[in-house]
C-alpha atoms as a PDB file:
ATOM      1  CA  UNK A   1      70.718 115.728 113.152  1.00  0.00           C
ATOM      2  CA  UNK A   2      71.405 112.493 115.026  1.00  0.00           C
ATOM      3  CA  UNK A   3      70.115 111.862 118.528  1.00  0.00           C
ATOM      4  CA  UNK A   4      71.519 109.754 121.351  1.00  0.00           C
ATOM      5  CA  UNK A   5      69.614 108.335 124.300  1.00  0.00           C
ATOM      6  CA  UNK A   6      71.727 107.645 127.373  1.00  0.00           C
ATOM      7  CA  UNK A   7      70.538 104.257 128.588  1.00  0.00           C
ATOM      8  CA  UNK A   8      73.555 102.671 130.275  1.00  0.00           C
ATOM      9  CA  UNK A   9      72.921 103.616 133.902  1.00  0.00           C
ATOM     10  CA  UNK A  10      72.658 100.827 136.452  1.00  0.00           C
ATOM     11  CA  UNK A  11      69.672 102.398 138.208  1.00  0.00           C
ATOM     12  CA  UNK A  12      70.819 101.674 141.749  1.00  0.00           C
ATOM     13  CA  UNK A  13      68.063 103.795 143.303  1.00  0.00           C
ATOM     14  CA  UNK A  14      65.519 101.781 141.336  1.00  0.00           C
ATOM     15  CA  UNK A  15      66.520  98.443 142.810  1.00  0.00           C
ATOM     16  CA  UNK A  16      65.129  95.826 143.056  1.00  0.00           C
ATOM     17  CA  UNK A  17      63.224  96.823 139.890  1.00  0.00           C
ATOM     18  CA  UNK A  18      66.476  97.083 137.937  1.00  0.00           C
ATOM     19  CA  UNK A  19      68.019  93.838 139.155  1.00  0.00           C
ATOM     20  CA  UNK A  20      66.551  91.976 136.195  1.00  0.00           C
ATOM     21  CA  UNK A  21      65.280  94.786 133.955  1.00  0.00           C
ATOM     22  CA  UNK A  22      67.386  97.668 132.627  1.00  0.00           C
ATOM     23  CA  UNK A  23      66.070 101.017 133.839  1.00  0.00           C
ATOM     24  CA  UNK A  24      65.048 102.281 130.354  1.00  0.00           C
ATOM     25  CA  UNK A  25      62.694  99.301 129.998  1.00  0.00           C
ATOM     26  CA  UNK A  26      60.797  99.996 133.220  1.00  0.00           C
ATOM     27  CA  UNK A  27      57.225 100.809 132.278  1.00  0.00           C
ATOM     28  CA  UNK A  28      55.030 103.849 132.807  1.00  0.00           C
ATOM     29  CA  UNK A  29      51.822 104.500 130.937  1.00  0.00           C
ATOM     30  CA  UNK A  30      51.837 100.989 129.499  1.00  0.00           C
ATOM     31  CA  UNK A  31      55.202 101.152 127.741  1.00  0.00           C
ATOM     32  CA  UNK A  32      58.923 101.339 128.590  1.00  0.00           C
ATOM     33  CA  UNK A  33      60.377 104.741 129.456  1.00  0.00           C
ATOM     34  CA  UNK A  34      62.711 104.649 126.467  1.00  0.00           C
ATOM     35  CA  UNK A  35      59.865 104.036 124.016  1.00  0.00           C
ATOM     36  CA  UNK A  36      58.159 107.260 125.090  1.00  0.00           C
ATOM     37  CA  UNK A  37      61.393 109.115 124.318  1.00  0.00           C
ATOM     38  CA  UNK A  38      61.939 107.398 120.973  1.00  0.00           C
ATOM     39  CA  UNK A  39      58.426 108.238 119.817  1.00  0.00           C
ATOM     40  CA  UNK A  40      58.862 111.876 120.824  1.00  0.00           C
ATOM     41  CA  UNK A  41      62.166 112.114 118.977  1.00  0.00           C
ATOM     42  CA  UNK A  42      60.762 110.559 115.813  1.00  0.00           C
ATOM     43  CA  UNK A  43      57.739 112.872 115.916  1.00  0.00           C
ATOM     44  CA  UNK A  44      60.177 115.803 116.071  1.00  0.00           C
ATOM     45  CA  UNK A  45      62.156 114.559 113.066  1.00  0.00           C
ATOM     46  CA  UNK A  46      65.008 112.794 114.855  1.00  0.00           C
ATOM     47  CA  UNK A  47      64.927 109.463 113.061  1.00  0.00           C
ATOM     48  CA  UNK A  48      68.596 108.456 113.366  1.00  0.00           C
ATOM     49  CA  UNK A  49      69.057 107.387 116.989  1.00  0.00           C
ATOM     50  CA  UNK A  50      72.023 105.968 118.904  1.00  0.00           C
ATOM     51  CA  UNK A  51      71.432 104.200 122.223  1.00  0.00           C
ATOM     52  CA  UNK A  52      74.207 103.236 124.596  1.00  0.00           C
ATOM     53  CA  UNK A  53      73.749 100.448 127.103  1.00  0.00           C
ATOM     54  CA  UNK A  54      75.576  98.438 129.733  1.00  0.00           C
ATOM     55  CA  UNK A  55      73.697  96.573 132.488  1.00  0.00           C
ATOM     56  CA  UNK A  56      71.379  94.007 130.847  1.00  0.00           C
ATOM     57  CA  UNK A  57      71.785  95.989 127.650  1.00  0.00           C
ATOM     58  CA  UNK A  58      70.914  93.163 125.288  1.00  0.00           C
ATOM     59  CA  UNK A  59      67.379  93.322 126.642  1.00  0.00           C
ATOM     60  CA  UNK A  60      67.192  96.845 125.220  1.00  0.00           C
ATOM     61  CA  UNK A  61      68.367  95.668 121.811  1.00  0.00           C
ATOM     62  CA  UNK A  62      65.925  92.744 121.867  1.00  0.00           C
ATOM     63  CA  UNK A  63      63.024  95.044 122.721  1.00  0.00           C
ATOM     64  CA  UNK A  64      63.765  97.915 120.325  1.00  0.00           C
ATOM     65  CA  UNK A  65      65.501  96.120 117.451  1.00  0.00           C
ATOM     66  CA  UNK A  66      66.608  98.285 114.531  1.00  0.00           C
ATOM     67  CA  UNK A  67      63.945 100.893 115.266  1.00  0.00           C
ATOM     68  CA  UNK A  68      61.825 100.204 112.205  1.00  0.00           C
ATOM     69  CA  UNK A  69      58.696  99.749 114.312  1.00  0.00           C
ATOM     70  CA  UNK A  70      59.077 103.362 115.494  1.00  0.00           C
ATOM     71  CA  UNK A  71      59.956 104.832 112.103  1.00  0.00           C
ATOM     72  CA  UNK A  72      63.575 105.193 113.233  1.00  0.00           C
ATOM     73  CA  UNK A  73      66.994 103.738 112.576  1.00  0.00           C
ATOM     74  CA  UNK A  74      68.564 102.665 115.882  1.00  0.00           C
ATOM     75  CA  UNK A  75      72.256 101.918 116.395  1.00  0.00           C
ATOM     76  CA  UNK A  76      73.718 100.649 119.655  1.00  0.00           C
ATOM     77  CA  UNK A  77      76.860 101.557 121.555  1.00  0.00           C
ATOM     78  CA  UNK A  78      77.613  98.735 123.983  1.00  0.00           C
ATOM     79  CA  UNK A  79      79.707  99.439 127.078  1.00  0.00           C
ATOM     80  CA  UNK A  80      79.698  95.905 128.456  1.00  0.00           C
ATOM     81  CA  UNK A  81      78.526  95.484 132.050  1.00  0.00           C
ATOM     82  CA  UNK A  82      80.444  98.499 133.407  1.00  0.00           C
ATOM     83  CA  UNK A  83      78.889 101.769 132.287  1.00  0.00           C
ATOM     84  CA  UNK A  84      81.248 104.561 131.198  1.00  0.00           C
ATOM     85  CA  UNK A  85      79.281 107.409 132.858  1.00  0.00           C
ATOM     86  CA  UNK A  86      77.696 110.189 130.785  1.00  0.00           C
ATOM     87  CA  UNK A  87      80.695 111.769 129.033  1.00  0.00           C
ATOM     88  CA  UNK A  88      82.437 108.413 128.671  1.00  0.00           C
ATOM     89  CA  UNK A  89      79.339 106.936 127.068  1.00  0.00           C
ATOM     90  CA  UNK A  90      79.052 109.800 124.594  1.00  0.00           C
ATOM     91  CA  UNK A  91      82.756 109.550 123.718  1.00  0.00           C
ATOM     92  CA  UNK A  92      82.392 105.810 123.147  1.00  0.00           C
ATOM     93  CA  UNK A  93      79.486 106.492 120.769  1.00  0.00           C
ATOM     94  CA  UNK A  94      81.130 109.320 118.791  1.00  0.00           C
ATOM     95  CA  UNK A  95      81.963 107.057 115.803  1.00  0.00           C
ATOM     96  CA  UNK A  96      78.198 106.510 115.435  1.00  0.00           C
ATOM     97  CA  UNK A  97      77.270 110.162 115.948  1.00  0.00           C
ATOM     98  CA  UNK A  98      79.304 111.746 113.168  1.00  0.00           C
ATOM     99  CA  UNK A  99      81.031 115.120 112.865  1.00  0.00           C
ATOM    100  CA  UNK A 100      78.079 117.489 113.298  1.00  0.00           C
ATOM    101  CA  UNK A 101      76.076 118.741 116.271  1.00  0.00           C
ATOM    102  CA  UNK A 102      74.026 115.962 117.872  1.00  0.00           C
ATOM    103  CA  UNK A 103      71.261 115.764 120.463  1.00  0.00           C
ATOM    104  CA  UNK A 104      71.638 113.789 123.691  1.00  0.00           C
ATOM    105  CA  UNK A 105      68.697 112.900 125.947  1.00  0.00           C
ATOM    106  CA  UNK A 106      68.887 111.126 129.277  1.00  0.00           C
ATOM    107  CA  UNK A 107      67.007 107.853 129.137  1.00  0.00           C
ATOM    108  CA  UNK A 108      65.483 108.316 132.575  1.00  0.00           C
ATOM    109  CA  UNK A 109      63.547 111.528 132.057  1.00  0.00           C
ATOM    110  CA  UNK A 110      59.984 112.176 130.948  1.00  0.00           C
ATOM    111  CA  UNK A 111      58.979 115.459 129.356  1.00  0.00           C
ATOM    112  CA  UNK A 112      56.664 117.198 126.909  1.00  0.00           C
ATOM    113  CA  UNK A 113      59.537 119.294 125.564  1.00  0.00           C
ATOM    114  CA  UNK A 114      59.252 120.180 121.866  1.00  0.00           C
ATOM    115  CA  UNK A 115      62.460 118.591 120.594  1.00  0.00           C
ATOM    116  CA  UNK A 116      61.894 120.055 117.135  1.00  0.00           C
ATOM    117  CA  UNK A 117      62.880 123.461 118.581  1.00  0.00           C
ATOM    118  CA  UNK A 118      66.474 122.254 118.727  1.00  0.00           C
ATOM    119  CA  UNK A 119      66.949 121.342 115.087  1.00  0.00           C
ATOM    120  CA  UNK A 120      68.045 124.698 113.668  1.00  0.00           C
ATOM    121  CA  UNK A 121      69.918 126.292 116.543  1.00  0.00           C
ATOM    122  CA  UNK A 122      73.413 127.720 116.331  1.00  0.00           C
ATOM    123  CA  UNK A 123      75.639 125.834 118.766  1.00  0.00           C
ATOM    124  CA  UNK A 124      79.157 126.751 119.838  1.00  0.00           C
ATOM    125  CA  UNK A 125      80.217 123.770 121.971  1.00  0.00           C
ATOM    126  CA  UNK A 126      76.968 122.926 123.740  1.00  0.00           C
ATOM    127  CA  UNK A 127      73.367 124.011 124.209  1.00  0.00           C
ATOM    128  CA  UNK A 128      71.498 122.968 127.350  1.00  0.00           C
ATOM    129  CA  UNK A 129      67.817 122.819 128.214  1.00  0.00           C
ATOM    130  CA  UNK A 130      67.270 123.864 131.828  1.00  0.00           C
ATOM    131  CA  UNK A 131      64.215 123.475 134.065  1.00  0.00           C
ATOM    132  CA  UNK A 132      62.959 124.735 137.390  1.00  0.00           C
ATOM    133  CA  UNK A 133      64.598 122.943 140.296  1.00  0.00           C
ATOM    134  CA  UNK A 134      62.783 119.785 141.405  1.00  0.00           C
ATOM    135  CA  UNK A 135      62.501 118.800 145.054  1.00  0.00           C
ATOM    136  CA  UNK A 136      65.500 116.487 144.784  1.00  0.00           C
ATOM    137  CA  UNK A 137      67.816 119.214 143.409  1.00  0.00           C
ATOM    138  CA  UNK A 138      66.776 122.444 145.101  1.00  0.00           C
ATOM    139  CA  UNK A 139      70.167 124.139 144.651  1.00  0.00           C
ATOM    140  CA  UNK A 140      70.102 123.703 140.895  1.00  0.00           C
ATOM    141  CA  UNK A 141      73.045 123.244 138.520  1.00  0.00           C
ATOM    142  CA  UNK A 142      73.445 126.306 136.295  1.00  0.00           C
ATOM    143  CA  UNK A 143      71.927 129.660 135.436  1.00  0.00           C
ATOM    144  CA  UNK A 144      71.304 131.717 132.298  1.00  0.00           C
ATOM    145  CA  UNK A 145      72.515 135.243 131.654  1.00  0.00           C
ATOM    146  CA  UNK A 146      70.515 137.848 129.714  1.00  0.00           C
ATOM    147  CA  UNK A 147      72.185 136.805 126.445  1.00  0.00           C
ATOM    148  CA  UNK A 148      71.249 133.148 126.764  1.00  0.00           C
ATOM    149  CA  UNK A 149      74.666 131.942 127.860  1.00  0.00           C
ATOM    150  CA  UNK A 150      74.773 129.255 130.521  1.00  0.00           C
ATOM    151  CA  UNK A 151      76.701 130.411 133.588  1.00  0.00           C
ATOM    152  CA  UNK A 152      77.634 128.596 136.771  1.00  0.00           C
ATOM    153  CA  UNK A 153      75.788 130.909 139.160  1.00  0.00           C
ATOM    154  CA  UNK A 154      73.209 133.614 138.689  1.00  0.00           C
ATOM    155  CA  UNK A 155      70.084 135.138 140.146  1.00  0.00           C
ATOM    156  CA  UNK A 156      67.986 132.099 139.174  1.00  0.00           C
ATOM    157  CA  UNK A 157      69.617 128.707 139.564  1.00  0.00           C
ATOM    158  CA  UNK A 158      68.108 126.023 137.346  1.00  0.00           C
ATOM    159  CA  UNK A 159      68.475 122.275 136.881  1.00  0.00           C
ATOM    160  CA  UNK A 160      69.962 120.656 133.782  1.00  0.00           C
ATOM    161  CA  UNK A 161      67.166 118.635 132.206  1.00  0.00           C
ATOM    162  CA  UNK A 162      69.354 115.965 130.631  1.00  0.00           C
ATOM    163  CA  UNK A 163      68.570 117.380 127.170  1.00  0.00           C
ATOM    164  CA  UNK A 164      71.480 118.946 125.318  1.00  0.00           C
ATOM    165  CA  UNK A 165      73.078 119.615 121.951  1.00  0.00           C
ATOM    166  CA  UNK A 166      76.806 118.959 121.664  1.00  0.00           C
ATOM    167  CA  UNK A 167      79.549 119.337 119.131  1.00  0.00           C
ATOM    168  CA  UNK A 168      82.032 116.449 118.994  1.00  0.00           C
ATOM    169  CA  UNK A 169      84.779 119.006 119.721  1.00  0.00           C
ATOM    170  CA  UNK A 170      83.418 119.325 123.281  1.00  0.00           C
ATOM    171  CA  UNK A 171      84.947 115.920 123.998  1.00  0.00           C
ATOM    172  CA  UNK A 172      88.116 116.192 121.897  1.00  0.00           C
ATOM    173  CA  UNK A 173      90.562 116.408 124.803  1.00  0.00           C
ATOM    174  CA  UNK A 174      89.031 113.725 126.989  1.00  0.00           C
ATOM    175  CA  UNK A 175      90.458 110.219 127.086  1.00  0.00           C
ATOM    176  CA  UNK A 176      88.217 107.242 126.457  1.00  0.00           C
ATOM    177  CA  UNK A 177      86.950 105.485 129.558  1.00  0.00           C
ATOM    178  CA  UNK A 178      84.767 106.463 132.482  1.00  0.00           C
ATOM    179  CA  UNK A 179      84.084 110.185 132.792  1.00  0.00           C
ATOM    180  CA  UNK A 180      81.201 112.375 133.876  1.00  0.00           C
ATOM    181  CA  UNK A 181      79.570 115.080 131.764  1.00  0.00           C
ATOM    182  CA  UNK A 182      79.326 117.690 134.520  1.00  0.00           C
ATOM    183  CA  UNK A 183      83.026 118.660 134.637  1.00  0.00           C
ATOM    184  CA  UNK A 184      83.164 118.779 130.824  1.00  0.00           C
ATOM    185  CA  UNK A 185      80.237 121.184 130.713  1.00  0.00           C
ATOM    186  CA  UNK A 186      81.579 123.350 133.530  1.00  0.00           C
ATOM    187  CA  UNK A 187      84.871 123.826 131.714  1.00  0.00           C
ATOM    188  CA  UNK A 188      83.074 124.862 128.522  1.00  0.00           C
ATOM    189  CA  UNK A 189      80.744 127.126 130.521  1.00  0.00           C
ATOM    190  CA  UNK A 190      83.763 128.847 132.101  1.00  0.00           C
ATOM    191  CA  UNK A 191      84.951 129.597 128.562  1.00  0.00           C
ATOM    192  CA  UNK A 192      81.606 131.153 127.627  1.00  0.00           C
ATOM    193  CA  UNK A 193      80.888 128.527 124.987  1.00  0.00           C
ATOM    194  CA  UNK A 194      77.622 127.036 126.245  1.00  0.00           C
ATOM    195  CA  UNK A 195      74.210 128.551 125.570  1.00  0.00           C
ATOM    196  CA  UNK A 196      70.780 127.344 126.541  1.00  0.00           C
ATOM    197  CA  UNK A 197      67.155 127.919 127.344  1.00  0.00           C
ATOM    198  CA  UNK A 198      64.694 127.407 130.158  1.00  0.00           C
ATOM    199  CA  UNK A 199      61.672 125.211 129.492  1.00  0.00           C
ATOM    200  CA  UNK A 200      58.521 125.546 131.556  1.00  0.00           C
ATOM    201  CA  UNK A 201      56.591 122.451 130.511  1.00  0.00           C
ATOM    202  CA  UNK A 202      56.332 118.982 132.012  1.00  0.00           C
ATOM    203  CA  UNK A 203      59.588 117.353 133.071  1.00  0.00           C
ATOM    204  CA  UNK A 204      60.486 114.572 135.494  1.00  0.00           C
ATOM    205  CA  UNK A 205      63.680 112.770 136.430  1.00  0.00           C
ATOM    206  CA  UNK A 206      62.545 109.177 136.960  1.00  0.00           C
ATOM    207  CA  UNK A 207      65.157 108.334 139.568  1.00  0.00           C
ATOM    208  CA  UNK A 208      63.176 106.354 142.142  1.00  0.00           C
ATOM    209  CA  UNK A 209      60.329 103.805 142.179  1.00  0.00           C
ATOM    210  CA  UNK A 210      58.107 106.493 143.698  1.00  0.00           C
ATOM    211  CA  UNK A 211      58.717 108.840 140.771  1.00  0.00           C
ATOM    212  CA  UNK A 212      58.066 105.984 138.357  1.00  0.00           C
ATOM    213  CA  UNK A 213      54.663 105.549 140.017  1.00  0.00           C
ATOM    214  CA  UNK A 214      54.042 109.297 139.755  1.00  0.00           C
ATOM    215  CA  UNK A 215      54.820 109.178 136.042  1.00  0.00           C
ATOM    216  CA  UNK A 216      52.516 106.207 135.507  1.00  0.00           C
ATOM    217  CA  UNK A 217      49.732 108.154 137.233  1.00  0.00           C
ATOM    218  CA  UNK A 218      50.493 111.204 135.057  1.00  0.00           C
ATOM    219  CA  UNK A 219      50.161 109.176 131.851  1.00  0.00           C
ATOM    220  CA  UNK A 220      46.974 107.520 133.153  1.00  0.00           C
ATOM    221  CA  UNK A 221      45.424 110.924 133.826  1.00  0.00           C
ATOM    222  CA  UNK A 222      46.457 112.111 130.370  1.00  0.00           C
ATOM    223  CA  UNK A 223      44.627 109.202 128.761  1.00  0.00           C
ATOM    224  CA  UNK A 224      41.496 109.923 130.781  1.00  0.00           C
ATOM    225  CA  UNK A 225      41.482 113.502 129.464  1.00  0.00           C
ATOM    226  CA  UNK A 226      41.674 112.493 125.802  1.00  0.00           C
END
């Protein structure tokens, strides 16, 4: 199964850190955010990785190269300087992702999720990993019913982690160009074609400089405990 890391976001809330460095290359725990994700994916058996980029994207290519240093094969989907949003970026990368189910991970999250759990799942149109609501998204995004289907509202609202499995068919009726993933998922959810799970481990959305500092502290504490 191929994996894609979404790395094209401008990182406006991270400015001025992202004025000269793309967000995925900001460091925590002594290495860029995206390298943590790549190493986790490779350890879980996802060795064929696609990375999209826009703002200062060539810095990402220069840093990561062809992926050999990580035991991976990395391909790049360039969007120029104007990012295509989440769905638009995936659609642009579909020629690199093939015809089967693929994994997509947001490039600005940190987690201890066991990605290997996703390799042998049955997927209709999409499969989402949900987490408890963080302080910056207290209302949540979706819920799960008793059969593991993702629903719009339920007794326990959860936050989409930015980790999902998708079939190319999910995007078959969407024109190329800028488009967000949320509306695409909500339409598929309304049709009962999205399943998922709740994870209870470590997860952070690294959306602000303060959260980047929190993550750096987390990794520092981890090292002290080893």
